């Protein structure tokens, strides 16, 4: 069974994924143990504070930062300066690129307040967290999920 993870993404990058369609890879310094076809639910951080959409993982690459840029420069939706700033000081100099497919917004985004009403003690992740099956069932209902 595929994993489902809740991933926090800044609003500007979420827009590039879901609306502008200029971002095809999510960059991370650390990332959970996920693989092809796992599901990523996107929580857009402040000021939006809402679960807005999802994508399926196409593949994940882990490379030295200097080599990672060569593979993601035309898909990351950021400048070289932003890329190298993000990865400055990263342990072992390894960066992670999560390539995705089937990115889609939910019919009904769910704001943080509603998530907290429905999921006891809900805290948006700083970076990511795995969703338990019961949490994912509640979120699916809230967002009117129709997976293709």
C-alpha atoms as a PDB file:
ATOM      1  CA  UNK A   1       0.000   0.000   0.000  1.00  0.00           C
ATOM      2  CA  UNK A   2       1.406   3.429  -0.900  1.00  0.00           C
ATOM      3  CA  UNK A   3       2.466   5.840   1.824  1.00  0.00           C
ATOM      4  CA  UNK A   4       0.649   9.130   2.251  1.00  0.00           C
ATOM      5  CA  UNK A   5       2.599  12.083   3.576  1.00  0.00           C
ATOM      6  CA  UNK A   6       1.567  15.625   4.444  1.00  0.00           C
ATOM      7  CA  UNK A   7       4.139  18.070   3.107  1.00  0.00           C
ATOM      8  CA  UNK A   8       4.362  21.777   3.974  1.00  0.00           C
ATOM      9  CA  UNK A   9       5.113  24.006   1.006  1.00  0.00           C
ATOM     10  CA  UNK A  10       5.359  27.797   0.893  1.00  0.00           C
ATOM     11  CA  UNK A  11       2.521  29.544  -1.005  1.00  0.00           C
ATOM     12  CA  UNK A  12       4.740  30.831  -3.821  1.00  0.00           C
ATOM     13  CA  UNK A  13       5.954  27.303  -4.620  1.00  0.00           C
ATOM     14  CA  UNK A  14       2.510  25.743  -4.303  1.00  0.00           C
ATOM     15  CA  UNK A  15       1.290  28.281  -6.888  1.00  0.00           C
ATOM     16  CA  UNK A  16       4.080  27.202  -9.242  1.00  0.00           C
ATOM     17  CA  UNK A  17       3.032  23.561  -8.819  1.00  0.00           C
ATOM     18  CA  UNK A  18      -0.733  23.854  -9.087  1.00  0.00           C
ATOM     19  CA  UNK A  19      -1.507  27.021 -11.052  1.00  0.00           C
ATOM     20  CA  UNK A  20       1.500  28.122 -13.071  1.00  0.00           C
ATOM     21  CA  UNK A  21       2.657  24.517 -13.672  1.00  0.00           C
ATOM     22  CA  UNK A  22       6.295  25.690 -13.817  1.00  0.00           C
ATOM     23  CA  UNK A  23       7.500  23.541 -10.914  1.00  0.00           C
ATOM     24  CA  UNK A  24       7.883  19.800 -11.575  1.00  0.00           C
ATOM     25  CA  UNK A  25      10.204  18.877  -8.720  1.00  0.00           C
ATOM     26  CA  UNK A  26      10.043  19.599  -5.002  1.00  0.00           C
ATOM     27  CA  UNK A  27      13.425  20.131  -3.378  1.00  0.00           C
ATOM     28  CA  UNK A  28      14.176  19.001   0.149  1.00  0.00           C
ATOM     29  CA  UNK A  29      17.090  18.856   2.536  1.00  0.00           C
ATOM     30  CA  UNK A  30      15.570  15.872   4.333  1.00  0.00           C
ATOM     31  CA  UNK A  31      12.687  13.716   3.247  1.00  0.00           C
ATOM     32  CA  UNK A  32      10.755  10.708   4.494  1.00  0.00           C
ATOM     33  CA  UNK A  33      11.164   7.216   3.191  1.00  0.00           C
ATOM     34  CA  UNK A  34       8.913   7.440   0.149  1.00  0.00           C
ATOM     35  CA  UNK A  35       8.962   5.906  -3.279  1.00  0.00           C
ATOM     36  CA  UNK A  36       7.390   5.989  -6.708  1.00  0.00           C
ATOM     37  CA  UNK A  37       3.583   6.315  -6.681  1.00  0.00           C
ATOM     38  CA  UNK A  38       3.378   7.356  -3.022  1.00  0.00           C
ATOM     39  CA  UNK A  39       0.943  10.200  -2.415  1.00  0.00           C
ATOM     40  CA  UNK A  40       1.911  13.670  -1.177  1.00  0.00           C
ATOM     41  CA  UNK A  41      -0.803  15.883   0.282  1.00  0.00           C
ATOM     42  CA  UNK A  42       0.207  19.539   0.090  1.00  0.00           C
ATOM     43  CA  UNK A  43      -0.302  21.818   3.054  1.00  0.00           C
ATOM     44  CA  UNK A  44       0.385  25.425   2.074  1.00  0.00           C
ATOM     45  CA  UNK A  45       2.048  27.283   4.921  1.00  0.00           C
ATOM     46  CA  UNK A  46       1.373  30.788   6.237  1.00  0.00           C
ATOM     47  CA  UNK A  47      -0.391  32.989   5.315  1.00  0.00           C
ATOM     48  CA  UNK A  48      -2.654  30.520   3.436  1.00  0.00           C
ATOM     49  CA  UNK A  49      -2.603  27.705   6.033  1.00  0.00           C
ATOM     50  CA  UNK A  50      -4.626  25.101   4.140  1.00  0.00           C
ATOM     51  CA  UNK A  51      -4.479  21.672   2.547  1.00  0.00           C
ATOM     52  CA  UNK A  52      -4.906  22.538  -1.137  1.00  0.00           C
ATOM     53  CA  UNK A  53      -3.922  19.608  -3.346  1.00  0.00           C
ATOM     54  CA  UNK A  54      -1.818  16.556  -3.966  1.00  0.00           C
ATOM     55  CA  UNK A  55       0.657  14.899  -6.263  1.00  0.00           C
ATOM     56  CA  UNK A  56       1.967  11.408  -6.854  1.00  0.00           C
ATOM     57  CA  UNK A  57       5.684  10.756  -6.757  1.00  0.00           C
ATOM     58  CA  UNK A  58       7.222   9.962 -10.126  1.00  0.00           C
ATOM     59  CA  UNK A  59      10.729   9.406  -8.755  1.00  0.00           C
ATOM     60  CA  UNK A  60      13.138  10.698  -6.133  1.00  0.00           C
ATOM     61  CA  UNK A  61      16.790  11.531  -6.627  1.00  0.00           C
ATOM     62  CA  UNK A  62      19.437  12.100  -3.967  1.00  0.00           C
ATOM     63  CA  UNK A  63      22.621  13.732  -5.195  1.00  0.00           C
ATOM     64  CA  UNK A  64      25.384  16.038  -4.212  1.00  0.00           C
ATOM     65  CA  UNK A  65      23.926  19.526  -4.404  1.00  0.00           C
ATOM     66  CA  UNK A  66      26.227  20.632  -7.225  1.00  0.00           C
ATOM     67  CA  UNK A  67      24.987  17.733  -9.399  1.00  0.00           C
ATOM     68  CA  UNK A  68      21.381  18.011  -8.313  1.00  0.00           C
ATOM     69  CA  UNK A  69      21.075  21.517  -9.771  1.00  0.00           C
ATOM     70  CA  UNK A  70      22.014  20.196 -13.220  1.00  0.00           C
ATOM     71  CA  UNK A  71      19.015  17.837 -13.108  1.00  0.00           C
ATOM     72  CA  UNK A  72      16.432  20.229 -11.690  1.00  0.00           C
ATOM     73  CA  UNK A  73      17.342  23.704 -12.940  1.00  0.00           C
ATOM     74  CA  UNK A  74      14.586  23.851 -15.562  1.00  0.00           C
ATOM     75  CA  UNK A  75      11.984  22.104 -13.361  1.00  0.00           C
ATOM     76  CA  UNK A  76      12.439  23.582  -9.866  1.00  0.00           C
ATOM     77  CA  UNK A  77      10.829  26.992 -10.376  1.00  0.00           C
ATOM     78  CA  UNK A  78      13.676  28.793  -8.596  1.00  0.00           C
ATOM     79  CA  UNK A  79      16.868  30.650  -9.447  1.00  0.00           C
ATOM     80  CA  UNK A  80      20.357  29.190  -8.937  1.00  0.00           C
ATOM     81  CA  UNK A  81      20.846  31.669  -6.070  1.00  0.00           C
ATOM     82  CA  UNK A  82      17.690  30.441  -4.306  1.00  0.00           C
ATOM     83  CA  UNK A  83      18.754  26.837  -4.862  1.00  0.00           C
ATOM     84  CA  UNK A  84      22.234  27.259  -3.381  1.00  0.00           C
ATOM     85  CA  UNK A  85      20.920  29.401  -0.498  1.00  0.00           C
ATOM     86  CA  UNK A  86      18.408  26.673   0.369  1.00  0.00           C
ATOM     87  CA  UNK A  87      21.059  23.963   0.405  1.00  0.00           C
ATOM     88  CA  UNK A  88      23.801  25.959   2.159  1.00  0.00           C
ATOM     89  CA  UNK A  89      25.097  24.083   5.183  1.00  0.00           C
ATOM     90  CA  UNK A  90      23.292  20.859   4.322  1.00  0.00           C
ATOM     91  CA  UNK A  91      24.871  17.780   5.911  1.00  0.00           C
ATOM     92  CA  UNK A  92      27.070  15.738   3.567  1.00  0.00           C
ATOM     93  CA  UNK A  93      26.188  18.101   0.731  1.00  0.00           C
ATOM     94  CA  UNK A  94      23.312  15.862  -0.408  1.00  0.00           C
ATOM     95  CA  UNK A  95      20.086  17.308  -1.794  1.00  0.00           C
ATOM     96  CA  UNK A  96      16.819  15.569  -2.603  1.00  0.00           C
ATOM     97  CA  UNK A  97      14.626  16.147  -5.624  1.00  0.00           C
ATOM     98  CA  UNK A  98      11.093  14.741  -5.616  1.00  0.00           C
ATOM     99  CA  UNK A  99       9.757  14.617  -9.143  1.00  0.00           C
ATOM    100  CA  UNK A 100       6.004  14.394  -9.314  1.00  0.00           C
ATOM    101  CA  UNK A 101       3.138  13.623 -11.641  1.00  0.00           C
ATOM    102  CA  UNK A 102      -0.618  14.140 -11.481  1.00  0.00           C
ATOM    103  CA  UNK A 103      -0.521  17.297  -9.388  1.00  0.00           C
ATOM    104  CA  UNK A 104      -4.052  18.457  -8.736  1.00  0.00           C
ATOM    105  CA  UNK A 105      -5.885  20.853  -6.441  1.00  0.00           C
ATOM    106  CA  UNK A 106      -8.723  19.640  -4.281  1.00  0.00           C
ATOM    107  CA  UNK A 107     -12.272  20.759  -5.038  1.00  0.00           C
ATOM    108  CA  UNK A 108     -12.500  22.149  -1.517  1.00  0.00           C
ATOM    109  CA  UNK A 109      -9.238  23.261   0.126  1.00  0.00           C
ATOM    110  CA  UNK A 110      -9.355  22.821   3.895  1.00  0.00           C
ATOM    111  CA  UNK A 111      -8.085  25.551   6.165  1.00  0.00           C
ATOM    112  CA  UNK A 112      -6.109  24.933   9.331  1.00  0.00           C
ATOM    113  CA  UNK A 113      -9.043  25.807  11.626  1.00  0.00           C
ATOM    114  CA  UNK A 114     -11.230  23.146  10.028  1.00  0.00           C
ATOM    115  CA  UNK A 115      -8.418  20.583  10.156  1.00  0.00           C
ATOM    116  CA  UNK A 116      -8.040  21.257  13.865  1.00  0.00           C
ATOM    117  CA  UNK A 117     -11.786  20.803  14.425  1.00  0.00           C
ATOM    118  CA  UNK A 118     -11.785  17.447  12.642  1.00  0.00           C
ATOM    119  CA  UNK A 119      -8.386  16.060  13.630  1.00  0.00           C
ATOM    120  CA  UNK A 120      -7.658  16.288  17.330  1.00  0.00           C
ATOM    121  CA  UNK A 121      -4.309  17.926  18.122  1.00  0.00           C
ATOM    122  CA  UNK A 122      -3.582  18.580  14.427  1.00  0.00           C
ATOM    123  CA  UNK A 123      -0.353  20.470  13.854  1.00  0.00           C
ATOM    124  CA  UNK A 124       0.877  21.300  10.383  1.00  0.00           C
ATOM    125  CA  UNK A 125       4.313  19.820   9.810  1.00  0.00           C
ATOM    126  CA  UNK A 126       7.423  21.982   9.713  1.00  0.00           C
ATOM    127  CA  UNK A 127       8.556  19.894   6.764  1.00  0.00           C
ATOM    128  CA  UNK A 128       6.534  16.679   6.484  1.00  0.00           C
ATOM    129  CA  UNK A 129       4.744  13.978   8.412  1.00  0.00           C
ATOM    130  CA  UNK A 130       3.187  10.661   7.536  1.00  0.00           C
ATOM    131  CA  UNK A 131      -0.600  10.569   7.606  1.00  0.00           C
ATOM    132  CA  UNK A 132      -2.230   7.743   9.512  1.00  0.00           C
ATOM    133  CA  UNK A 133      -4.986   5.952   7.552  1.00  0.00           C
ATOM    134  CA  UNK A 134      -7.749   7.444   9.722  1.00  0.00           C
ATOM    135  CA  UNK A 135      -6.340  10.979   9.299  1.00  0.00           C
ATOM    136  CA  UNK A 136      -6.198  10.521   5.537  1.00  0.00           C
ATOM    137  CA  UNK A 137      -9.816   9.295   5.514  1.00  0.00           C
ATOM    138  CA  UNK A 138     -10.935  12.452   7.327  1.00  0.00           C
ATOM    139  CA  UNK A 139      -8.942  14.717   5.005  1.00  0.00           C
ATOM    140  CA  UNK A 140     -10.329  12.910   1.928  1.00  0.00           C
ATOM    141  CA  UNK A 141     -13.853  13.583   3.139  1.00  0.00           C
ATOM    142  CA  UNK A 142     -13.115  17.249   3.870  1.00  0.00           C
ATOM    143  CA  UNK A 143     -11.508  18.012   0.511  1.00  0.00           C
ATOM    144  CA  UNK A 144     -14.041  16.050  -1.549  1.00  0.00           C
ATOM    145  CA  UNK A 145     -11.221  13.892  -2.870  1.00  0.00           C
ATOM    146  CA  UNK A 146     -11.623  12.214  -6.254  1.00  0.00           C
ATOM    147  CA  UNK A 147      -8.378  10.464  -7.050  1.00  0.00           C
ATOM    148  CA  UNK A 148      -7.695   9.536 -10.659  1.00  0.00           C
END
